């Protein structure tokens, strides 16, 4: 027999994963982590060696998203990258997807850019990152699945329904601003200031033993 269910669009007050688990009769809270096979672990190790990152603290950023309305202002990511490079003295790896076609040259001014990787390769990088920061996107969910530490910036979408589960990914949001401006597209620096994100990452880097 075949069962057909509506695509989740926030029609119920639960996380998207809980909705789909209900659809197939599974209990809520059944969340899975992603463990990379040895082939992709070795790829990640070689990638780190090839870039000279073996003893580095790497910040991985994903400044894009499949939906422009969910993107934090690019200037925010630019300033975060400059802060990491200037105060930590460590590399920044910037992941771009198909939605960011044509942006590679711009982001190369702020770090090492990767834009044509397989998902397993992206997962390998995320799993080895010291910290991660990104938008509400598939890459942020992948970061949570592989156990990355860091944050995901939310604006118009609701984290209680769409946040990454698993790992140590924390929501970064200005709930007061969003309550006052519920229909505003994008995530401006007024909504989520650069200082808020930098303070968040700085605290996480200290907890991880990152160098100042």
C-alpha atoms as a PDB file:
ATOM      1  CA  UNK A   1       0.000   0.000   0.000  1.00  0.00           C
ATOM      2  CA  UNK A   2       1.136   3.549  -0.700  1.00  0.00           C
ATOM      3  CA  UNK A   3       0.732   6.477   1.672  1.00  0.00           C
ATOM      4  CA  UNK A   4       1.070  10.067   0.459  1.00  0.00           C
ATOM      5  CA  UNK A   5       1.751  12.968   2.837  1.00  0.00           C
ATOM      6  CA  UNK A   6       1.931  16.726   2.242  1.00  0.00           C
ATOM      7  CA  UNK A   7       5.394  18.293   2.142  1.00  0.00           C
ATOM      8  CA  UNK A   8       6.143  19.997   5.441  1.00  0.00           C
ATOM      9  CA  UNK A   9       5.731  23.767   5.174  1.00  0.00           C
ATOM     10  CA  UNK A  10       5.283  24.698   8.813  1.00  0.00           C
ATOM     11  CA  UNK A  11       1.643  23.669   8.888  1.00  0.00           C
ATOM     12  CA  UNK A  12       2.043  22.063  12.323  1.00  0.00           C
ATOM     13  CA  UNK A  13       3.869  23.263  15.440  1.00  0.00           C
ATOM     14  CA  UNK A  14       6.736  20.800  15.384  1.00  0.00           C
ATOM     15  CA  UNK A  15      10.127  20.270  13.820  1.00  0.00           C
ATOM     16  CA  UNK A  16      10.107  19.127  10.190  1.00  0.00           C
ATOM     17  CA  UNK A  17      11.839  15.872  11.119  1.00  0.00           C
ATOM     18  CA  UNK A  18       9.203  15.138  13.766  1.00  0.00           C
ATOM     19  CA  UNK A  19       6.475  15.663  11.167  1.00  0.00           C
ATOM     20  CA  UNK A  20       8.018  13.179   8.733  1.00  0.00           C
ATOM     21  CA  UNK A  21       8.678  10.647  11.474  1.00  0.00           C
ATOM     22  CA  UNK A  22       5.004  10.827  12.400  1.00  0.00           C
ATOM     23  CA  UNK A  23       4.080  10.257   8.758  1.00  0.00           C
ATOM     24  CA  UNK A  24       5.907   6.913   8.671  1.00  0.00           C
ATOM     25  CA  UNK A  25       4.857   5.872  12.152  1.00  0.00           C
ATOM     26  CA  UNK A  26       8.229   6.325  13.852  1.00  0.00           C
ATOM     27  CA  UNK A  27       8.665   7.880  17.271  1.00  0.00           C
ATOM     28  CA  UNK A  28       9.771  11.481  17.524  1.00  0.00           C
ATOM     29  CA  UNK A  29      13.269  12.169  18.742  1.00  0.00           C
ATOM     30  CA  UNK A  30      14.736   9.482  16.488  1.00  0.00           C
ATOM     31  CA  UNK A  31      17.564  11.539  15.035  1.00  0.00           C
ATOM     32  CA  UNK A  32      20.578  10.132  13.259  1.00  0.00           C
ATOM     33  CA  UNK A  33      24.176  11.192  13.078  1.00  0.00           C
ATOM     34  CA  UNK A  34      26.260  10.701   9.964  1.00  0.00           C
ATOM     35  CA  UNK A  35      29.427   8.682  10.245  1.00  0.00           C
ATOM     36  CA  UNK A  36      31.773   8.991   7.298  1.00  0.00           C
ATOM     37  CA  UNK A  37      33.306   5.881   5.812  1.00  0.00           C
ATOM     38  CA  UNK A  38      37.043   5.393   5.892  1.00  0.00           C
ATOM     39  CA  UNK A  39      37.383   6.526   2.261  1.00  0.00           C
ATOM     40  CA  UNK A  40      35.991   9.967   3.041  1.00  0.00           C
ATOM     41  CA  UNK A  41      37.833  10.243   6.350  1.00  0.00           C
ATOM     42  CA  UNK A  42      41.046   9.700   4.421  1.00  0.00           C
ATOM     43  CA  UNK A  43      39.963  12.267   1.834  1.00  0.00           C
ATOM     44  CA  UNK A  44      39.478  14.813   4.643  1.00  0.00           C
ATOM     45  CA  UNK A  45      42.873  14.033   6.141  1.00  0.00           C
ATOM     46  CA  UNK A  46      44.560  14.462   2.763  1.00  0.00           C
ATOM     47  CA  UNK A  47      42.633  17.676   2.090  1.00  0.00           C
ATOM     48  CA  UNK A  48      43.847  19.107   5.421  1.00  0.00           C
ATOM     49  CA  UNK A  49      47.456  18.138   4.639  1.00  0.00           C
ATOM     50  CA  UNK A  50      47.253  19.524   1.103  1.00  0.00           C
ATOM     51  CA  UNK A  51      46.144  22.914   2.433  1.00  0.00           C
ATOM     52  CA  UNK A  52      48.715  22.950   5.246  1.00  0.00           C
ATOM     53  CA  UNK A  53      46.037  22.931   7.955  1.00  0.00           C
ATOM     54  CA  UNK A  54      47.285  20.004  10.021  1.00  0.00           C
ATOM     55  CA  UNK A  55      47.919  22.145  13.099  1.00  0.00           C
ATOM     56  CA  UNK A  56      45.436  24.942  12.334  1.00  0.00           C
ATOM     57  CA  UNK A  57      42.159  26.068  13.863  1.00  0.00           C
ATOM     58  CA  UNK A  58      39.793  26.268  10.868  1.00  0.00           C
ATOM     59  CA  UNK A  59      36.625  28.361  10.706  1.00  0.00           C
ATOM     60  CA  UNK A  60      34.275  26.995   8.048  1.00  0.00           C
ATOM     61  CA  UNK A  61      31.644  29.418   6.741  1.00  0.00           C
ATOM     62  CA  UNK A  62      28.667  28.849   4.456  1.00  0.00           C
ATOM     63  CA  UNK A  63      27.418  32.332   3.498  1.00  0.00           C
ATOM     64  CA  UNK A  64      24.819  31.144   0.986  1.00  0.00           C
ATOM     65  CA  UNK A  65      21.496  29.365   0.971  1.00  0.00           C
ATOM     66  CA  UNK A  66      19.058  27.970  -1.543  1.00  0.00           C
ATOM     67  CA  UNK A  67      16.710  30.795  -0.539  1.00  0.00           C
ATOM     68  CA  UNK A  68      17.974  34.387  -0.626  1.00  0.00           C
ATOM     69  CA  UNK A  69      15.475  35.346   2.078  1.00  0.00           C
ATOM     70  CA  UNK A  70      17.396  33.173   4.559  1.00  0.00           C
ATOM     71  CA  UNK A  71      20.836  34.683   3.932  1.00  0.00           C
ATOM     72  CA  UNK A  72      22.591  36.829   6.503  1.00  0.00           C
ATOM     73  CA  UNK A  73      24.025  40.007   4.957  1.00  0.00           C
ATOM     74  CA  UNK A  74      27.245  39.099   3.084  1.00  0.00           C
ATOM     75  CA  UNK A  75      29.034  41.956   4.875  1.00  0.00           C
ATOM     76  CA  UNK A  76      28.502  40.048   8.087  1.00  0.00           C
ATOM     77  CA  UNK A  77      30.383  36.998   6.859  1.00  0.00           C
ATOM     78  CA  UNK A  78      33.089  39.207   5.387  1.00  0.00           C
ATOM     79  CA  UNK A  79      33.703  40.871   8.751  1.00  0.00           C
ATOM     80  CA  UNK A  80      33.604  37.556  10.610  1.00  0.00           C
ATOM     81  CA  UNK A  81      36.240  36.150   8.238  1.00  0.00           C
ATOM     82  CA  UNK A  82      38.433  39.229   8.729  1.00  0.00           C
ATOM     83  CA  UNK A  83      38.043  38.963  12.510  1.00  0.00           C
ATOM     84  CA  UNK A  84      39.083  35.291  12.509  1.00  0.00           C
ATOM     85  CA  UNK A  85      42.096  35.940  10.278  1.00  0.00           C
ATOM     86  CA  UNK A  86      43.224  39.043  12.157  1.00  0.00           C
ATOM     87  CA  UNK A  87      42.650  38.009  15.775  1.00  0.00           C
ATOM     88  CA  UNK A  88      43.061  34.239  15.625  1.00  0.00           C
ATOM     89  CA  UNK A  89      45.612  34.186  12.815  1.00  0.00           C
ATOM     90  CA  UNK A  90      43.974  31.034  11.464  1.00  0.00           C
ATOM     91  CA  UNK A  91      42.505  30.035   8.076  1.00  0.00           C
ATOM     92  CA  UNK A  92      38.909  30.456   6.923  1.00  0.00           C
ATOM     93  CA  UNK A  93      37.307  27.914   4.581  1.00  0.00           C
ATOM     94  CA  UNK A  94      34.260  29.203   2.677  1.00  0.00           C
ATOM     95  CA  UNK A  95      31.814  26.694   1.200  1.00  0.00           C
ATOM     96  CA  UNK A  96      29.686  27.773  -1.776  1.00  0.00           C
ATOM     97  CA  UNK A  97      26.915  25.874  -3.495  1.00  0.00           C
ATOM     98  CA  UNK A  98      25.053  26.136  -6.814  1.00  0.00           C
ATOM     99  CA  UNK A  99      22.958  29.030  -5.475  1.00  0.00           C
ATOM    100  CA  UNK A 100      26.166  31.070  -5.114  1.00  0.00           C
ATOM    101  CA  UNK A 101      27.325  30.599  -8.709  1.00  0.00           C
ATOM    102  CA  UNK A 102      29.401  33.577  -9.745  1.00  0.00           C
ATOM    103  CA  UNK A 103      30.377  34.574  -6.189  1.00  0.00           C
ATOM    104  CA  UNK A 104      33.629  32.618  -5.976  1.00  0.00           C
ATOM    105  CA  UNK A 105      35.929  35.496  -6.967  1.00  0.00           C
ATOM    106  CA  UNK A 106      34.342  37.738  -4.356  1.00  0.00           C
ATOM    107  CA  UNK A 107      34.724  35.272  -1.484  1.00  0.00           C
ATOM    108  CA  UNK A 108      38.327  34.428  -2.364  1.00  0.00           C
ATOM    109  CA  UNK A 109      39.167  37.832  -0.888  1.00  0.00           C
ATOM    110  CA  UNK A 110      38.153  36.504   2.530  1.00  0.00           C
ATOM    111  CA  UNK A 111      39.379  32.924   2.664  1.00  0.00           C
ATOM    112  CA  UNK A 112      39.926  29.594   0.951  1.00  0.00           C
ATOM    113  CA  UNK A 113      36.902  28.876  -1.257  1.00  0.00           C
ATOM    114  CA  UNK A 114      35.409  25.534  -2.279  1.00  0.00           C
ATOM    115  CA  UNK A 115      32.481  25.529  -4.693  1.00  0.00           C
ATOM    116  CA  UNK A 116      32.371  22.217  -6.573  1.00  0.00           C
ATOM    117  CA  UNK A 117      32.541  19.493  -3.948  1.00  0.00           C
ATOM    118  CA  UNK A 118      30.532  16.317  -3.552  1.00  0.00           C
ATOM    119  CA  UNK A 119      28.366  16.142  -0.437  1.00  0.00           C
ATOM    120  CA  UNK A 120      30.665  13.540   1.114  1.00  0.00           C
ATOM    121  CA  UNK A 121      33.590  15.918   0.644  1.00  0.00           C
ATOM    122  CA  UNK A 122      31.636  18.766   2.232  1.00  0.00           C
ATOM    123  CA  UNK A 123      30.806  16.462   5.138  1.00  0.00           C
ATOM    124  CA  UNK A 124      34.489  15.579   5.512  1.00  0.00           C
ATOM    125  CA  UNK A 125      35.409  19.254   5.803  1.00  0.00           C
ATOM    126  CA  UNK A 126      32.593  20.018   8.238  1.00  0.00           C
ATOM    127  CA  UNK A 127      33.545  17.086  10.426  1.00  0.00           C
ATOM    128  CA  UNK A 128      37.129  18.357  10.794  1.00  0.00           C
ATOM    129  CA  UNK A 129      36.313  22.057  11.246  1.00  0.00           C
ATOM    130  CA  UNK A 130      37.176  23.787  14.502  1.00  0.00           C
ATOM    131  CA  UNK A 131      34.031  25.931  14.204  1.00  0.00           C
ATOM    132  CA  UNK A 132      31.219  26.370  11.704  1.00  0.00           C
ATOM    133  CA  UNK A 133      28.896  29.290  10.968  1.00  0.00           C
ATOM    134  CA  UNK A 134      26.241  29.335   8.245  1.00  0.00           C
ATOM    135  CA  UNK A 135      22.677  30.112   7.236  1.00  0.00           C
ATOM    136  CA  UNK A 136      19.520  28.037   7.455  1.00  0.00           C
ATOM    137  CA  UNK A 137      20.519  25.622   4.697  1.00  0.00           C
ATOM    138  CA  UNK A 138      21.189  22.013   3.882  1.00  0.00           C
ATOM    139  CA  UNK A 139      24.890  22.478   4.632  1.00  0.00           C
ATOM    140  CA  UNK A 140      24.068  23.561   8.195  1.00  0.00           C
ATOM    141  CA  UNK A 141      21.978  20.416   8.662  1.00  0.00           C
ATOM    142  CA  UNK A 142      24.895  18.382   7.339  1.00  0.00           C
ATOM    143  CA  UNK A 143      27.185  20.155   9.824  1.00  0.00           C
ATOM    144  CA  UNK A 144      24.913  19.067  12.657  1.00  0.00           C
ATOM    145  CA  UNK A 145      24.765  15.493  11.385  1.00  0.00           C
ATOM    146  CA  UNK A 146      28.573  15.105  11.364  1.00  0.00           C
ATOM    147  CA  UNK A 147      28.954  16.620  14.838  1.00  0.00           C
ATOM    148  CA  UNK A 148      30.365  20.033  13.933  1.00  0.00           C
ATOM    149  CA  UNK A 149      30.515  22.792  16.551  1.00  0.00           C
ATOM    150  CA  UNK A 150      29.208  26.273  15.818  1.00  0.00           C
ATOM    151  CA  UNK A 151      26.093  28.172  14.870  1.00  0.00           C
ATOM    152  CA  UNK A 152      23.404  28.738  12.270  1.00  0.00           C
ATOM    153  CA  UNK A 153      21.945  32.206  11.736  1.00  0.00           C
ATOM    154  CA  UNK A 154      18.152  32.378  11.562  1.00  0.00           C
ATOM    155  CA  UNK A 155      15.910  35.220  10.434  1.00  0.00           C
ATOM    156  CA  UNK A 156      12.516  34.714   8.753  1.00  0.00           C
ATOM    157  CA  UNK A 157      12.395  30.944   9.165  1.00  0.00           C
ATOM    158  CA  UNK A 158      11.501  29.377  12.487  1.00  0.00           C
ATOM    159  CA  UNK A 159      14.305  27.466  14.220  1.00  0.00           C
ATOM    160  CA  UNK A 160      11.852  25.384  16.237  1.00  0.00           C
ATOM    161  CA  UNK A 161      10.767  23.889  12.911  1.00  0.00           C
ATOM    162  CA  UNK A 162      13.920  24.028  10.803  1.00  0.00           C
ATOM    163  CA  UNK A 163      17.010  24.105  13.048  1.00  0.00           C
ATOM    164  CA  UNK A 164      19.755  21.506  12.530  1.00  0.00           C
ATOM    165  CA  UNK A 165      19.515  18.610  14.949  1.00  0.00           C
ATOM    166  CA  UNK A 166      22.420  16.697  16.399  1.00  0.00           C
ATOM    167  CA  UNK A 167      25.993  17.750  16.905  1.00  0.00           C
ATOM    168  CA  UNK A 168      26.709  21.031  18.659  1.00  0.00           C
ATOM    169  CA  UNK A 169      25.095  23.541  16.294  1.00  0.00           C
ATOM    170  CA  UNK A 170      23.409  26.431  18.114  1.00  0.00           C
ATOM    171  CA  UNK A 171      20.828  28.869  16.735  1.00  0.00           C
ATOM    172  CA  UNK A 172      21.949  32.507  16.501  1.00  0.00           C
ATOM    173  CA  UNK A 173      18.921  34.799  16.242  1.00  0.00           C
ATOM    174  CA  UNK A 174      17.394  38.128  17.261  1.00  0.00           C
ATOM    175  CA  UNK A 175      13.925  37.044  18.340  1.00  0.00           C
ATOM    176  CA  UNK A 176      12.828  40.535  19.410  1.00  0.00           C
ATOM    177  CA  UNK A 177      13.656  42.033  16.013  1.00  0.00           C
ATOM    178  CA  UNK A 178      11.923  39.213  14.154  1.00  0.00           C
ATOM    179  CA  UNK A 179       8.795  39.551  16.307  1.00  0.00           C
ATOM    180  CA  UNK A 180       8.648  43.222  15.354  1.00  0.00           C
ATOM    181  CA  UNK A 181       9.422  42.558  11.665  1.00  0.00           C
ATOM    182  CA  UNK A 182       7.950  39.118  10.933  1.00  0.00           C
ATOM    183  CA  UNK A 183       7.716  39.548   7.156  1.00  0.00           C
ATOM    184  CA  UNK A 184      11.069  41.174   6.463  1.00  0.00           C
ATOM    185  CA  UNK A 185      13.122  39.230   3.923  1.00  0.00           C
ATOM    186  CA  UNK A 186      16.791  38.449   4.455  1.00  0.00           C
ATOM    187  CA  UNK A 187      18.789  38.918   7.646  1.00  0.00           C
ATOM    188  CA  UNK A 188      20.298  42.378   7.963  1.00  0.00           C
ATOM    189  CA  UNK A 189      23.155  43.495  10.209  1.00  0.00           C
ATOM    190  CA  UNK A 190      20.541  45.417  12.165  1.00  0.00           C
ATOM    191  CA  UNK A 191      18.746  42.166  12.934  1.00  0.00           C
ATOM    192  CA  UNK A 192      21.824  40.052  13.694  1.00  0.00           C
ATOM    193  CA  UNK A 193      24.809  42.357  14.380  1.00  0.00           C
ATOM    194  CA  UNK A 194      28.304  41.225  13.488  1.00  0.00           C
ATOM    195  CA  UNK A 195      29.314  41.666  17.131  1.00  0.00           C
ATOM    196  CA  UNK A 196      26.713  39.110  18.221  1.00  0.00           C
ATOM    197  CA  UNK A 197      28.107  36.483  15.841  1.00  0.00           C
ATOM    198  CA  UNK A 198      31.730  37.255  16.682  1.00  0.00           C
ATOM    199  CA  UNK A 199      31.030  37.058  20.422  1.00  0.00           C
ATOM    200  CA  UNK A 200      29.301  33.720  19.857  1.00  0.00           C
ATOM    201  CA  UNK A 201      32.217  32.282  17.865  1.00  0.00           C
ATOM    202  CA  UNK A 202      34.816  33.709  20.228  1.00  0.00           C
ATOM    203  CA  UNK A 203      33.154  32.000  23.184  1.00  0.00           C
ATOM    204  CA  UNK A 204      32.958  28.694  21.294  1.00  0.00           C
ATOM    205  CA  UNK A 205      36.593  28.933  20.228  1.00  0.00           C
ATOM    206  CA  UNK A 206      37.701  29.493  23.831  1.00  0.00           C
ATOM    207  CA  UNK A 207      35.683  26.505  24.986  1.00  0.00           C
ATOM    208  CA  UNK A 208      37.329  24.450  22.259  1.00  0.00           C
ATOM    209  CA  UNK A 209      40.762  25.567  23.337  1.00  0.00           C
ATOM    210  CA  UNK A 210      41.236  27.832  20.319  1.00  0.00           C
ATOM    211  CA  UNK A 211      44.086  30.293  20.349  1.00  0.00           C
ATOM    212  CA  UNK A 212      43.372  34.006  20.805  1.00  0.00           C
END
